ModelCIF file with pLDDT and N, C-alpha, C, O atoms, coordinates in Angstrom:
data_MODEL
#
_entry.id   MODEL 
#
_entity.id                         1 
_entity.type                       polymer 
_entity.pdbx_number_of_molecules   1 
#
_entity_poly.entity_id                      1 
_entity_poly.type                           'polypeptide(L)' 
_entity_poly.nstd_linkage                   no 
_entity_poly.nstd_monomer                   no 
_entity_poly.pdbx_seq_one_letter_code       FYHFIDMDQGLRYRDVELSTIDTALLMAGVLTVGEYFDQDDPVEEEIR 
_entity_poly.pdbx_seq_one_letter_code_can   FYHFIDMDQGLRYRDVELSTIDTALLMAGVLTVGEYFDQDDPVEEEIR 
_entity_poly.pdbx_strand_id                 A 
#
loop_
_entity_poly_seq.entity_id 
_entity_poly_seq.num 
_entity_poly_seq.mon_id 
_entity_poly_seq.hetero 
1 1  PHE n 
1 2  TYR n 
1 3  HIS n 
1 4  PHE n 
1 5  ILE n 
1 6  ASP n 
1 7  MET n 
1 8  ASP n 
1 9  GLN n 
1 10 GLY n 
1 11 LEU n 
1 12 ARG n 
1 13 TYR n 
1 14 ARG n 
1 15 ASP n 
1 16 VAL n 
1 17 GLU n 
1 18 LEU n 
1 19 SER n 
1 20 THR n 
1 21 ILE n 
1 22 ASP n 
1 23 THR n 
1 24 ALA n 
1 25 LEU n 
1 26 LEU n 
1 27 MET n 
1 28 ALA n 
1 29 GLY n 
1 30 VAL n 
1 31 LEU n 
1 32 THR n 
1 33 VAL n 
1 34 GLY n 
1 35 GLU n 
1 36 TYR n 
1 37 PHE n 
1 38 ASP n 
1 39 GLN n 
1 40 ASP n 
1 41 ASP n 
1 42 PRO n 
1 43 VAL n 
1 44 GLU n 
1 45 GLU n 
1 46 GLU n 
1 47 ILE n 
1 48 ARG n 
#
_struct_asym.id          A 
_struct_asym.entity_id   1 
#
loop_
_ma_qa_metric.id 
_ma_qa_metric.mode 
_ma_qa_metric.name 
_ma_qa_metric.software_group_id 
_ma_qa_metric.type 
1 global pLDDT . pLDDT 
2 local  pLDDT . pLDDT 
#
_ma_qa_metric_global.metric_id      1 
_ma_qa_metric_global.metric_value   98.15 
_ma_qa_metric_global.model_id       1 
_ma_qa_metric_global.ordinal_id     1 
#
loop_
_ma_qa_metric_local.label_asym_id 
_ma_qa_metric_local.label_comp_id 
_ma_qa_metric_local.label_seq_id 
_ma_qa_metric_local.metric_id 
_ma_qa_metric_local.metric_value 
_ma_qa_metric_local.model_id 
_ma_qa_metric_local.ordinal_id 
A PHE 1  2 99.00 1 1  
A TYR 2  2 99.00 1 2  
A HIS 3  2 98.00 1 3  
A PHE 4  2 98.00 1 4  
A ILE 5  2 98.00 1 5  
A ASP 6  2 98.00 1 6  
A MET 7  2 97.00 1 7  
A ASP 8  2 96.00 1 8  
A GLN 9  2 97.00 1 9  
A GLY 10 2 98.00 1 10 
A LEU 11 2 98.00 1 11 
A ARG 12 2 98.00 1 12 
A TYR 13 2 98.00 1 13 
A ARG 14 2 97.00 1 14 
A ASP 15 2 98.00 1 15 
A VAL 16 2 98.00 1 16 
A GLU 17 2 98.00 1 17 
A LEU 18 2 98.00 1 18 
A SER 19 2 98.00 1 19 
A THR 20 2 98.00 1 20 
A ILE 21 2 98.00 1 21 
A ASP 22 2 98.00 1 22 
A THR 23 2 99.00 1 23 
A ALA 24 2 99.00 1 24 
A LEU 25 2 99.00 1 25 
A LEU 26 2 99.00 1 26 
A MET 27 2 99.00 1 27 
A ALA 28 2 99.00 1 28 
A GLY 29 2 99.00 1 29 
A VAL 30 2 99.00 1 30 
A LEU 31 2 99.00 1 31 
A THR 32 2 99.00 1 32 
A VAL 33 2 99.00 1 33 
A GLY 34 2 98.00 1 34 
A GLU 35 2 98.00 1 35 
A TYR 36 2 98.00 1 36 
A PHE 37 2 98.00 1 37 
A ASP 38 2 98.00 1 38 
A GLN 39 2 98.00 1 39 
A ASP 40 2 98.00 1 40 
A ASP 41 2 97.00 1 41 
A PRO 42 2 98.00 1 42 
A VAL 43 2 98.00 1 43 
A GLU 44 2 98.00 1 44 
A GLU 45 2 98.00 1 45 
A GLU 46 2 98.00 1 46 
A ILE 47 2 98.00 1 47 
A ARG 48 2 98.00 1 48 
#
loop_
_atom_site.group_PDB 
_atom_site.id 
_atom_site.type_symbol 
_atom_site.label_atom_id 
_atom_site.label_alt_id 
_atom_site.label_comp_id 
_atom_site.label_asym_id 
_atom_site.label_entity_id 
_atom_site.label_seq_id 
_atom_site.pdbx_PDB_ins_code 
_atom_site.Cartn_x 
_atom_site.Cartn_y 
_atom_site.Cartn_z 
_atom_site.occupancy 
_atom_site.B_iso_or_equiv 
_atom_site.pdbx_formal_charge 
_atom_site.auth_seq_id 
_atom_site.auth_comp_id 
_atom_site.auth_asym_id 
_atom_site.auth_atom_id 
_atom_site.pdbx_PDB_model_num 
ATOM 1   N N  . PHE A 1 1  ? -171.161 66.782 40.538 1.00 99.00 ? 1  PHE A N  1 
ATOM 2   C CA . PHE A 1 1  ? -170.426 65.990 39.565 1.00 99.00 ? 1  PHE A CA 1 
ATOM 3   C C  . PHE A 1 1  ? -169.313 65.206 40.256 1.00 99.00 ? 1  PHE A C  1 
ATOM 4   O O  . PHE A 1 1  ? -168.821 65.583 41.320 1.00 99.00 ? 1  PHE A O  1 
ATOM 5   N N  . TYR A 1 2  ? -168.940 64.111 39.616 1.00 99.00 ? 2  TYR A N  1 
ATOM 6   C CA . TYR A 1 2  ? -167.845 63.309 40.163 1.00 99.00 ? 2  TYR A CA 1 
ATOM 7   C C  . TYR A 1 2  ? -166.523 64.040 40.006 1.00 99.00 ? 2  TYR A C  1 
ATOM 8   O O  . TYR A 1 2  ? -166.287 64.754 39.031 1.00 99.00 ? 2  TYR A O  1 
ATOM 9   N N  . HIS A 1 3  ? -165.686 63.839 40.986 1.00 98.00 ? 3  HIS A N  1 
ATOM 10  C CA . HIS A 1 3  ? -164.377 64.502 41.064 1.00 98.00 ? 3  HIS A CA 1 
ATOM 11  C C  . HIS A 1 3  ? -163.589 64.344 39.764 1.00 98.00 ? 3  HIS A C  1 
ATOM 12  O O  . HIS A 1 3  ? -163.110 65.327 39.199 1.00 98.00 ? 3  HIS A O  1 
ATOM 13  N N  . PHE A 1 4  ? -163.459 63.117 39.298 1.00 98.00 ? 4  PHE A N  1 
ATOM 14  C CA . PHE A 1 4  ? -162.773 62.820 38.047 1.00 98.00 ? 4  PHE A CA 1 
ATOM 15  C C  . PHE A 1 4  ? -163.733 62.114 37.092 1.00 98.00 ? 4  PHE A C  1 
ATOM 16  O O  . PHE A 1 4  ? -164.512 61.253 37.503 1.00 98.00 ? 4  PHE A O  1 
ATOM 17  N N  . ILE A 1 5  ? -163.669 62.488 35.816 1.00 98.00 ? 5  ILE A N  1 
ATOM 18  C CA . ILE A 1 5  ? -164.470 61.843 34.778 1.00 98.00 ? 5  ILE A CA 1 
ATOM 19  C C  . ILE A 1 5  ? -163.571 61.599 33.571 1.00 98.00 ? 5  ILE A C  1 
ATOM 20  O O  . ILE A 1 5  ? -162.563 62.283 33.393 1.00 98.00 ? 5  ILE A O  1 
ATOM 21  N N  . ASP A 1 6  ? -163.938 60.618 32.741 1.00 98.00 ? 6  ASP A N  1 
ATOM 22  C CA . ASP A 1 6  ? -163.042 60.321 31.625 1.00 98.00 ? 6  ASP A CA 1 
ATOM 23  C C  . ASP A 1 6  ? -163.087 61.450 30.594 1.00 98.00 ? 6  ASP A C  1 
ATOM 24  O O  . ASP A 1 6  ? -164.096 62.144 30.465 1.00 98.00 ? 6  ASP A O  1 
ATOM 25  N N  . MET A 1 7  ? -161.989 61.627 29.866 1.00 97.00 ? 7  MET A N  1 
ATOM 26  C CA . MET A 1 7  ? -161.802 62.780 28.987 1.00 97.00 ? 7  MET A CA 1 
ATOM 27  C C  . MET A 1 7  ? -162.743 62.790 27.789 1.00 97.00 ? 7  MET A C  1 
ATOM 28  O O  . MET A 1 7  ? -163.035 63.858 27.251 1.00 97.00 ? 7  MET A O  1 
ATOM 29  N N  . ASP A 1 8  ? -163.213 61.656 27.370 1.00 96.00 ? 8  ASP A N  1 
ATOM 30  C CA . ASP A 1 8  ? -163.996 61.592 26.136 1.00 96.00 ? 8  ASP A CA 1 
ATOM 31  C C  . ASP A 1 8  ? -165.499 61.592 26.396 1.00 96.00 ? 8  ASP A C  1 
ATOM 32  O O  . ASP A 1 8  ? -166.207 62.483 25.926 1.00 96.00 ? 8  ASP A O  1 
ATOM 33  N N  . GLN A 1 9  ? -165.989 60.609 27.134 1.00 97.00 ? 9  GLN A N  1 
ATOM 34  C CA . GLN A 1 9  ? -167.423 60.530 27.401 1.00 97.00 ? 9  GLN A CA 1 
ATOM 35  C C  . GLN A 1 9  ? -167.839 61.331 28.626 1.00 97.00 ? 9  GLN A C  1 
ATOM 36  O O  . GLN A 1 9  ? -169.006 61.698 28.762 1.00 97.00 ? 9  GLN A O  1 
ATOM 37  N N  . GLY A 1 10 ? -166.890 61.604 29.518 1.00 98.00 ? 10 GLY A N  1 
ATOM 38  C CA . GLY A 1 10 ? -167.201 62.376 30.709 1.00 98.00 ? 10 GLY A CA 1 
ATOM 39  C C  . GLY A 1 10 ? -167.955 61.598 31.766 1.00 98.00 ? 10 GLY A C  1 
ATOM 40  O O  . GLY A 1 10 ? -168.709 62.193 32.536 1.00 98.00 ? 10 GLY A O  1 
ATOM 41  N N  . LEU A 1 11 ? -167.779 60.285 31.829 1.00 98.00 ? 11 LEU A N  1 
ATOM 42  C CA . LEU A 1 11 ? -168.443 59.461 32.831 1.00 98.00 ? 11 LEU A CA 1 
ATOM 43  C C  . LEU A 1 11 ? -167.536 59.254 34.042 1.00 98.00 ? 11 LEU A C  1 
ATOM 44  O O  . LEU A 1 11 ? -166.319 59.416 33.958 1.00 98.00 ? 11 LEU A O  1 
ATOM 45  N N  . ARG A 1 12 ? -168.147 58.897 35.163 1.00 98.00 ? 12 ARG A N  1 
ATOM 46  C CA . ARG A 1 12 ? -167.415 58.691 36.414 1.00 98.00 ? 12 ARG A CA 1 
ATOM 47  C C  . ARG A 1 12 ? -166.180 57.833 36.191 1.00 98.00 ? 12 ARG A C  1 
ATOM 48  O O  . ARG A 1 12 ? -166.238 56.784 35.549 1.00 98.00 ? 12 ARG A O  1 
ATOM 49  N N  . TYR A 1 13 ? -165.058 58.301 36.736 1.00 98.00 ? 13 TYR A N  1 
ATOM 50  C CA . TYR A 1 13 ? -163.808 57.560 36.608 1.00 98.00 ? 13 TYR A CA 1 
ATOM 51  C C  . TYR A 1 13 ? -163.663 56.616 37.800 1.00 98.00 ? 13 TYR A C  1 
ATOM 52  O O  . TYR A 1 13 ? -163.562 57.047 38.949 1.00 98.00 ? 13 TYR A O  1 
ATOM 53  N N  . ARG A 1 14 ? -163.657 55.335 37.501 1.00 97.00 ? 14 ARG A N  1 
ATOM 54  C CA . ARG A 1 14 ? -163.505 54.285 38.510 1.00 97.00 ? 14 ARG A CA 1 
ATOM 55  C C  . ARG A 1 14 ? -164.498 54.497 39.657 1.00 97.00 ? 14 ARG A C  1 
ATOM 56  O O  . ARG A 1 14 ? -165.702 54.592 39.417 1.00 97.00 ? 14 ARG A O  1 
ATOM 57  N N  . ASP A 1 15 ? -164.002 54.573 40.918 1.00 98.00 ? 15 ASP A N  1 
ATOM 58  C CA . ASP A 1 15 ? -164.914 54.674 42.048 1.00 98.00 ? 15 ASP A CA 1 
ATOM 59  C C  . ASP A 1 15 ? -164.768 55.999 42.798 1.00 98.00 ? 15 ASP A C  1 
ATOM 60  O O  . ASP A 1 15 ? -164.945 56.052 44.015 1.00 98.00 ? 15 ASP A O  1 
ATOM 61  N N  . VAL A 1 16 ? -164.442 57.079 42.057 1.00 98.00 ? 16 VAL A N  1 
ATOM 62  C CA . VAL A 1 16 ? -164.242 58.371 42.715 1.00 98.00 ? 16 VAL A CA 1 
ATOM 63  C C  . VAL A 1 16 ? -165.563 58.899 43.271 1.00 98.00 ? 16 VAL A C  1 
ATOM 64  O O  . VAL A 1 16 ? -166.645 58.436 42.911 1.00 98.00 ? 16 VAL A O  1 
ATOM 65  N N  . GLU A 1 17 ? -165.436 59.869 44.147 1.00 98.00 ? 17 GLU A N  1 
ATOM 66  C CA . GLU A 1 17 ? -166.576 60.416 44.879 1.00 98.00 ? 17 GLU A CA 1 
ATOM 67  C C  . GLU A 1 17 ? -167.313 61.512 44.111 1.00 98.00 ? 17 GLU A C  1 
ATOM 68  O O  . GLU A 1 17 ? -166.741 62.183 43.252 1.00 98.00 ? 17 GLU A O  1 
ATOM 69  N N  . LEU A 1 18 ? -168.575 61.673 44.436 1.00 98.00 ? 18 LEU A N  1 
ATOM 70  C CA . LEU A 1 18 ? -169.309 62.873 44.068 1.00 98.00 ? 18 LEU A CA 1 
ATOM 71  C C  . LEU A 1 18 ? -168.802 63.964 45.004 1.00 98.00 ? 18 LEU A C  1 
ATOM 72  O O  . LEU A 1 18 ? -168.961 63.854 46.220 1.00 98.00 ? 18 LEU A O  1 
ATOM 73  N N  . SER A 1 19 ? -168.199 65.007 44.462 1.00 98.00 ? 19 SER A N  1 
ATOM 74  C CA . SER A 1 19 ? -167.403 65.932 45.274 1.00 98.00 ? 19 SER A CA 1 
ATOM 75  C C  . SER A 1 19 ? -168.053 67.307 45.404 1.00 98.00 ? 19 SER A C  1 
ATOM 76  O O  . SER A 1 19 ? -168.393 67.942 44.406 1.00 98.00 ? 19 SER A O  1 
ATOM 77  N N  . THR A 1 20 ? -168.219 67.755 46.644 1.00 98.00 ? 20 THR A N  1 
ATOM 78  C CA . THR A 1 20 ? -168.799 69.082 46.870 1.00 98.00 ? 20 THR A CA 1 
ATOM 79  C C  . THR A 1 20 ? -167.824 70.198 46.511 1.00 98.00 ? 20 THR A C  1 
ATOM 80  O O  . THR A 1 20 ? -168.213 71.148 45.832 1.00 98.00 ? 20 THR A O  1 
ATOM 81  N N  . ILE A 1 21 ? -166.575 70.112 46.944 1.00 98.00 ? 21 ILE A N  1 
ATOM 82  C CA . ILE A 1 21 ? -165.638 71.211 46.676 1.00 98.00 ? 21 ILE A CA 1 
ATOM 83  C C  . ILE A 1 21 ? -165.305 71.285 45.196 1.00 98.00 ? 21 ILE A C  1 
ATOM 84  O O  . ILE A 1 21 ? -165.189 72.381 44.647 1.00 98.00 ? 21 ILE A O  1 
ATOM 85  N N  . ASP A 1 22 ? -165.152 70.154 44.546 1.00 98.00 ? 22 ASP A N  1 
ATOM 86  C CA . ASP A 1 22 ? -164.816 70.193 43.126 1.00 98.00 ? 22 ASP A CA 1 
ATOM 87  C C  . ASP A 1 22 ? -165.998 70.689 42.297 1.00 98.00 ? 22 ASP A C  1 
ATOM 88  O O  . ASP A 1 22 ? -165.809 71.390 41.303 1.00 98.00 ? 22 ASP A O  1 
ATOM 89  N N  . THR A 1 23 ? -167.214 70.329 42.701 1.00 99.00 ? 23 THR A N  1 
ATOM 90  C CA . THR A 1 23 ? -168.386 70.894 42.041 1.00 99.00 ? 23 THR A CA 1 
ATOM 91  C C  . THR A 1 23 ? -168.453 72.399 42.261 1.00 99.00 ? 23 THR A C  1 
ATOM 92  O O  . THR A 1 23 ? -168.816 73.143 41.350 1.00 99.00 ? 23 THR A O  1 
ATOM 93  N N  . ALA A 1 24 ? -168.107 72.852 43.463 1.00 99.00 ? 24 ALA A N  1 
ATOM 94  C CA . ALA A 1 24 ? -168.120 74.293 43.740 1.00 99.00 ? 24 ALA A CA 1 
ATOM 95  C C  . ALA A 1 24 ? -167.116 75.034 42.869 1.00 99.00 ? 24 ALA A C  1 
ATOM 96  O O  . ALA A 1 24 ? -167.420 76.110 42.356 1.00 99.00 ? 24 ALA A O  1 
ATOM 97  N N  . LEU A 1 25 ? -165.922 74.473 42.694 1.00 99.00 ? 25 LEU A N  1 
ATOM 98  C CA . LEU A 1 25 ? -164.921 75.119 41.843 1.00 99.00 ? 25 LEU A CA 1 
ATOM 99  C C  . LEU A 1 25 ? -165.381 75.127 40.390 1.00 99.00 ? 25 LEU A C  1 
ATOM 100 O O  . LEU A 1 25 ? -165.146 76.094 39.666 1.00 99.00 ? 25 LEU A O  1 
ATOM 101 N N  . LEU A 1 26 ? -166.033 74.052 39.968 1.00 99.00 ? 26 LEU A N  1 
ATOM 102 C CA . LEU A 1 26 ? -166.614 74.039 38.627 1.00 99.00 ? 26 LEU A CA 1 
ATOM 103 C C  . LEU A 1 26 ? -167.674 75.124 38.498 1.00 99.00 ? 26 LEU A C  1 
ATOM 104 O O  . LEU A 1 26 ? -167.678 75.868 37.517 1.00 99.00 ? 26 LEU A O  1 
ATOM 105 N N  . MET A 1 27 ? -168.578 75.224 39.480 1.00 99.00 ? 27 MET A N  1 
ATOM 106 C CA . MET A 1 27 ? -169.644 76.217 39.422 1.00 99.00 ? 27 MET A CA 1 
ATOM 107 C C  . MET A 1 27 ? -169.109 77.649 39.485 1.00 99.00 ? 27 MET A C  1 
ATOM 108 O O  . MET A 1 27 ? -169.707 78.556 38.907 1.00 99.00 ? 27 MET A O  1 
ATOM 109 N N  . ALA A 1 28 ? -168.002 77.856 40.174 1.00 99.00 ? 28 ALA A N  1 
ATOM 110 C CA . ALA A 1 28 ? -167.396 79.184 40.180 1.00 99.00 ? 28 ALA A CA 1 
ATOM 111 C C  . ALA A 1 28 ? -166.994 79.583 38.769 1.00 99.00 ? 28 ALA A C  1 
ATOM 112 O O  . ALA A 1 28 ? -167.196 80.726 38.358 1.00 99.00 ? 28 ALA A O  1 
ATOM 113 N N  . GLY A 1 29 ? -166.426 78.636 38.028 1.00 99.00 ? 29 GLY A N  1 
ATOM 114 C CA . GLY A 1 29 ? -166.095 78.916 36.634 1.00 99.00 ? 29 GLY A CA 1 
ATOM 115 C C  . GLY A 1 29 ? -167.326 79.093 35.776 1.00 99.00 ? 29 GLY A C  1 
ATOM 116 O O  . GLY A 1 29 ? -167.347 79.952 34.895 1.00 99.00 ? 29 GLY A O  1 
ATOM 117 N N  . VAL A 1 30 ? -168.358 78.293 36.018 1.00 99.00 ? 30 VAL A N  1 
ATOM 118 C CA . VAL A 1 30 ? -169.615 78.398 35.271 1.00 99.00 ? 30 VAL A CA 1 
ATOM 119 C C  . VAL A 1 30 ? -170.229 79.780 35.460 1.00 99.00 ? 30 VAL A C  1 
ATOM 120 O O  . VAL A 1 30 ? -170.656 80.405 34.489 1.00 99.00 ? 30 VAL A O  1 
ATOM 121 N N  . LEU A 1 31 ? -170.276 80.260 36.693 1.00 99.00 ? 31 LEU A N  1 
ATOM 122 C CA . LEU A 1 31 ? -170.850 81.579 36.953 1.00 99.00 ? 31 LEU A CA 1 
ATOM 123 C C  . LEU A 1 31 ? -169.979 82.694 36.383 1.00 99.00 ? 31 LEU A C  1 
ATOM 124 O O  . LEU A 1 31 ? -170.495 83.734 35.975 1.00 99.00 ? 31 LEU A O  1 
ATOM 125 N N  . THR A 1 32 ? -168.667 82.487 36.350 1.00 99.00 ? 32 THR A N  1 
ATOM 126 C CA . THR A 1 32 ? -167.770 83.488 35.768 1.00 99.00 ? 32 THR A CA 1 
ATOM 127 C C  . THR A 1 32 ? -168.085 83.722 34.299 1.00 99.00 ? 32 THR A C  1 
ATOM 128 O O  . THR A 1 32 ? -168.214 84.867 33.867 1.00 99.00 ? 32 THR A O  1 
ATOM 129 N N  . VAL A 1 33 ? -168.210 82.658 33.536 1.00 99.00 ? 33 VAL A N  1 
ATOM 130 C CA . VAL A 1 33 ? -168.506 82.840 32.110 1.00 99.00 ? 33 VAL A CA 1 
ATOM 131 C C  . VAL A 1 33 ? -169.924 83.336 31.916 1.00 99.00 ? 33 VAL A C  1 
ATOM 132 O O  . VAL A 1 33 ? -170.208 84.032 30.941 1.00 99.00 ? 33 VAL A O  1 
ATOM 133 N N  . GLY A 1 34 ? -170.829 82.986 32.839 1.00 98.00 ? 34 GLY A N  1 
ATOM 134 C CA . GLY A 1 34 ? -172.174 83.522 32.764 1.00 98.00 ? 34 GLY A CA 1 
ATOM 135 C C  . GLY A 1 34 ? -172.209 85.030 32.911 1.00 98.00 ? 34 GLY A C  1 
ATOM 136 O O  . GLY A 1 34 ? -173.056 85.694 32.315 1.00 98.00 ? 34 GLY A O  1 
ATOM 137 N N  . GLU A 1 35 ? -171.299 85.571 33.696 1.00 98.00 ? 35 GLU A N  1 
ATOM 138 C CA . GLU A 1 35 ? -171.200 87.024 33.846 1.00 98.00 ? 35 GLU A CA 1 
ATOM 139 C C  . GLU A 1 35 ? -170.461 87.661 32.676 1.00 98.00 ? 35 GLU A C  1 
ATOM 140 O O  . GLU A 1 35 ? -170.817 88.752 32.230 1.00 98.00 ? 35 GLU A O  1 
ATOM 141 N N  . TYR A 1 36 ? -169.434 86.980 32.182 1.00 98.00 ? 36 TYR A N  1 
ATOM 142 C CA . TYR A 1 36 ? -168.591 87.592 31.153 1.00 98.00 ? 36 TYR A CA 1 
ATOM 143 C C  . TYR A 1 36 ? -169.293 87.690 29.813 1.00 98.00 ? 36 TYR A C  1 
ATOM 144 O O  . TYR A 1 36 ? -169.219 88.728 29.156 1.00 98.00 ? 36 TYR A O  1 
ATOM 145 N N  . PHE A 1 37 ? -169.968 86.644 29.395 1.00 98.00 ? 37 PHE A N  1 
ATOM 146 C CA . PHE A 1 37 ? -170.604 86.647 28.076 1.00 98.00 ? 37 PHE A CA 1 
ATOM 147 C C  . PHE A 1 37 ? -171.978 87.304 28.191 1.00 98.00 ? 37 PHE A C  1 
ATOM 148 O O  . PHE A 1 37 ? -172.999 86.633 28.338 1.00 98.00 ? 37 PHE A O  1 
ATOM 149 N N  . ASP A 1 38 ? -171.972 88.618 28.119 1.00 98.00 ? 38 ASP A N  1 
ATOM 150 C CA . ASP A 1 38 ? -173.154 89.431 28.410 1.00 98.00 ? 38 ASP A CA 1 
ATOM 151 C C  . ASP A 1 38 ? -173.735 90.123 27.183 1.00 98.00 ? 38 ASP A C  1 
ATOM 152 O O  . ASP A 1 38 ? -174.601 90.988 27.314 1.00 98.00 ? 38 ASP A O  1 
ATOM 153 N N  . GLN A 1 39 ? -173.273 89.756 26.002 1.00 98.00 ? 39 GLN A N  1 
ATOM 154 C CA . GLN A 1 39 ? -173.729 90.452 24.803 1.00 98.00 ? 39 GLN A CA 1 
ATOM 155 C C  . GLN A 1 39 ? -175.078 89.918 24.312 1.00 98.00 ? 39 GLN A C  1 
ATOM 156 O O  . GLN A 1 39 ? -175.485 88.800 24.628 1.00 98.00 ? 39 GLN A O  1 
ATOM 157 N N  . ASP A 1 40 ? -175.756 90.767 23.525 1.00 98.00 ? 40 ASP A N  1 
ATOM 158 C CA . ASP A 1 40 ? -177.024 90.402 22.915 1.00 98.00 ? 40 ASP A CA 1 
ATOM 159 C C  . ASP A 1 40 ? -176.735 89.549 21.684 1.00 98.00 ? 40 ASP A C  1 
ATOM 160 O O  . ASP A 1 40 ? -176.775 90.029 20.551 1.00 98.00 ? 40 ASP A O  1 
ATOM 161 N N  . ASP A 1 41 ? -176.449 88.296 21.930 1.00 97.00 ? 41 ASP A N  1 
ATOM 162 C CA . ASP A 1 41 ? -176.020 87.355 20.896 1.00 97.00 ? 41 ASP A CA 1 
ATOM 163 C C  . ASP A 1 41 ? -176.584 85.989 21.265 1.00 97.00 ? 41 ASP A C  1 
ATOM 164 O O  . ASP A 1 41 ? -176.543 85.620 22.439 1.00 97.00 ? 41 ASP A O  1 
ATOM 165 N N  . PRO A 1 42 ? -177.114 85.218 20.301 1.00 98.00 ? 42 PRO A N  1 
ATOM 166 C CA . PRO A 1 42 ? -177.729 83.929 20.638 1.00 98.00 ? 42 PRO A CA 1 
ATOM 167 C C  . PRO A 1 42 ? -176.811 82.966 21.383 1.00 98.00 ? 42 PRO A C  1 
ATOM 168 O O  . PRO A 1 42 ? -177.248 82.270 22.299 1.00 98.00 ? 42 PRO A O  1 
ATOM 169 N N  . VAL A 1 43 ? -175.532 82.926 20.989 1.00 98.00 ? 43 VAL A N  1 
ATOM 170 C CA . VAL A 1 43 ? -174.590 82.034 21.675 1.00 98.00 ? 43 VAL A CA 1 
ATOM 171 C C  . VAL A 1 43 ? -174.377 82.486 23.115 1.00 98.00 ? 43 VAL A C  1 
ATOM 172 O O  . VAL A 1 43 ? -174.397 81.668 24.034 1.00 98.00 ? 43 VAL A O  1 
ATOM 173 N N  . GLU A 1 44 ? -174.175 83.774 23.311 1.00 98.00 ? 44 GLU A N  1 
ATOM 174 C CA . GLU A 1 44 ? -173.925 84.272 24.661 1.00 98.00 ? 44 GLU A CA 1 
ATOM 175 C C  . GLU A 1 44 ? -175.180 84.201 25.524 1.00 98.00 ? 44 GLU A C  1 
ATOM 176 O O  . GLU A 1 44 ? -175.083 84.016 26.737 1.00 98.00 ? 44 GLU A O  1 
ATOM 177 N N  . GLU A 1 45 ? -176.344 84.345 24.924 1.00 98.00 ? 45 GLU A N  1 
ATOM 178 C CA . GLU A 1 45 ? -177.585 84.169 25.667 1.00 98.00 ? 45 GLU A CA 1 
ATOM 179 C C  . GLU A 1 45 ? -177.722 82.727 26.152 1.00 98.00 ? 45 GLU A C  1 
ATOM 180 O O  . GLU A 1 45 ? -178.161 82.483 27.276 1.00 98.00 ? 45 GLU A O  1 
ATOM 181 N N  . GLU A 1 46 ? -177.344 81.773 25.299 1.00 98.00 ? 46 GLU A N  1 
ATOM 182 C CA . GLU A 1 46 ? -177.410 80.374 25.711 1.00 98.00 ? 46 GLU A CA 1 
ATOM 183 C C  . GLU A 1 46 ? -176.395 80.068 26.801 1.00 98.00 ? 46 GLU A C  1 
ATOM 184 O O  . GLU A 1 46 ? -176.681 79.302 27.722 1.00 98.00 ? 46 GLU A O  1 
ATOM 185 N N  . ILE A 1 47 ? -175.211 80.662 26.702 1.00 98.00 ? 47 ILE A N  1 
ATOM 186 C CA . ILE A 1 47 ? -174.210 80.492 27.764 1.00 98.00 ? 47 ILE A CA 1 
ATOM 187 C C  . ILE A 1 47 ? -174.779 80.967 29.093 1.00 98.00 ? 47 ILE A C  1 
ATOM 188 O O  . ILE A 1 47 ? -174.662 80.268 30.099 1.00 98.00 ? 47 ILE A O  1 
ATOM 189 N N  . ARG A 1 48 ? -175.387 82.137 29.109 1.00 98.00 ? 48 ARG A N  1 
ATOM 190 C CA . ARG A 1 48 ? -175.940 82.675 30.353 1.00 98.00 ? 48 ARG A CA 1 
ATOM 191 C C  . ARG A 1 48 ? -177.046 81.766 30.903 1.00 98.00 ? 48 ARG A C  1 
ATOM 192 O O  . ARG A 1 48 ? -177.627 82.063 31.947 1.00 98.00 ? 48 ARG A O  1 
#
């Protein structure tokens, strides 16, 4: 994902880079919630 994206549509902001470290920090959060929401519930199953 691009380093910065606009707050509403989430599209690339100006000419910023596709960022490896910022994507990694995003994915760290993504995997965190994937581990936390572990209940037998349709919403939590979709999160995982």
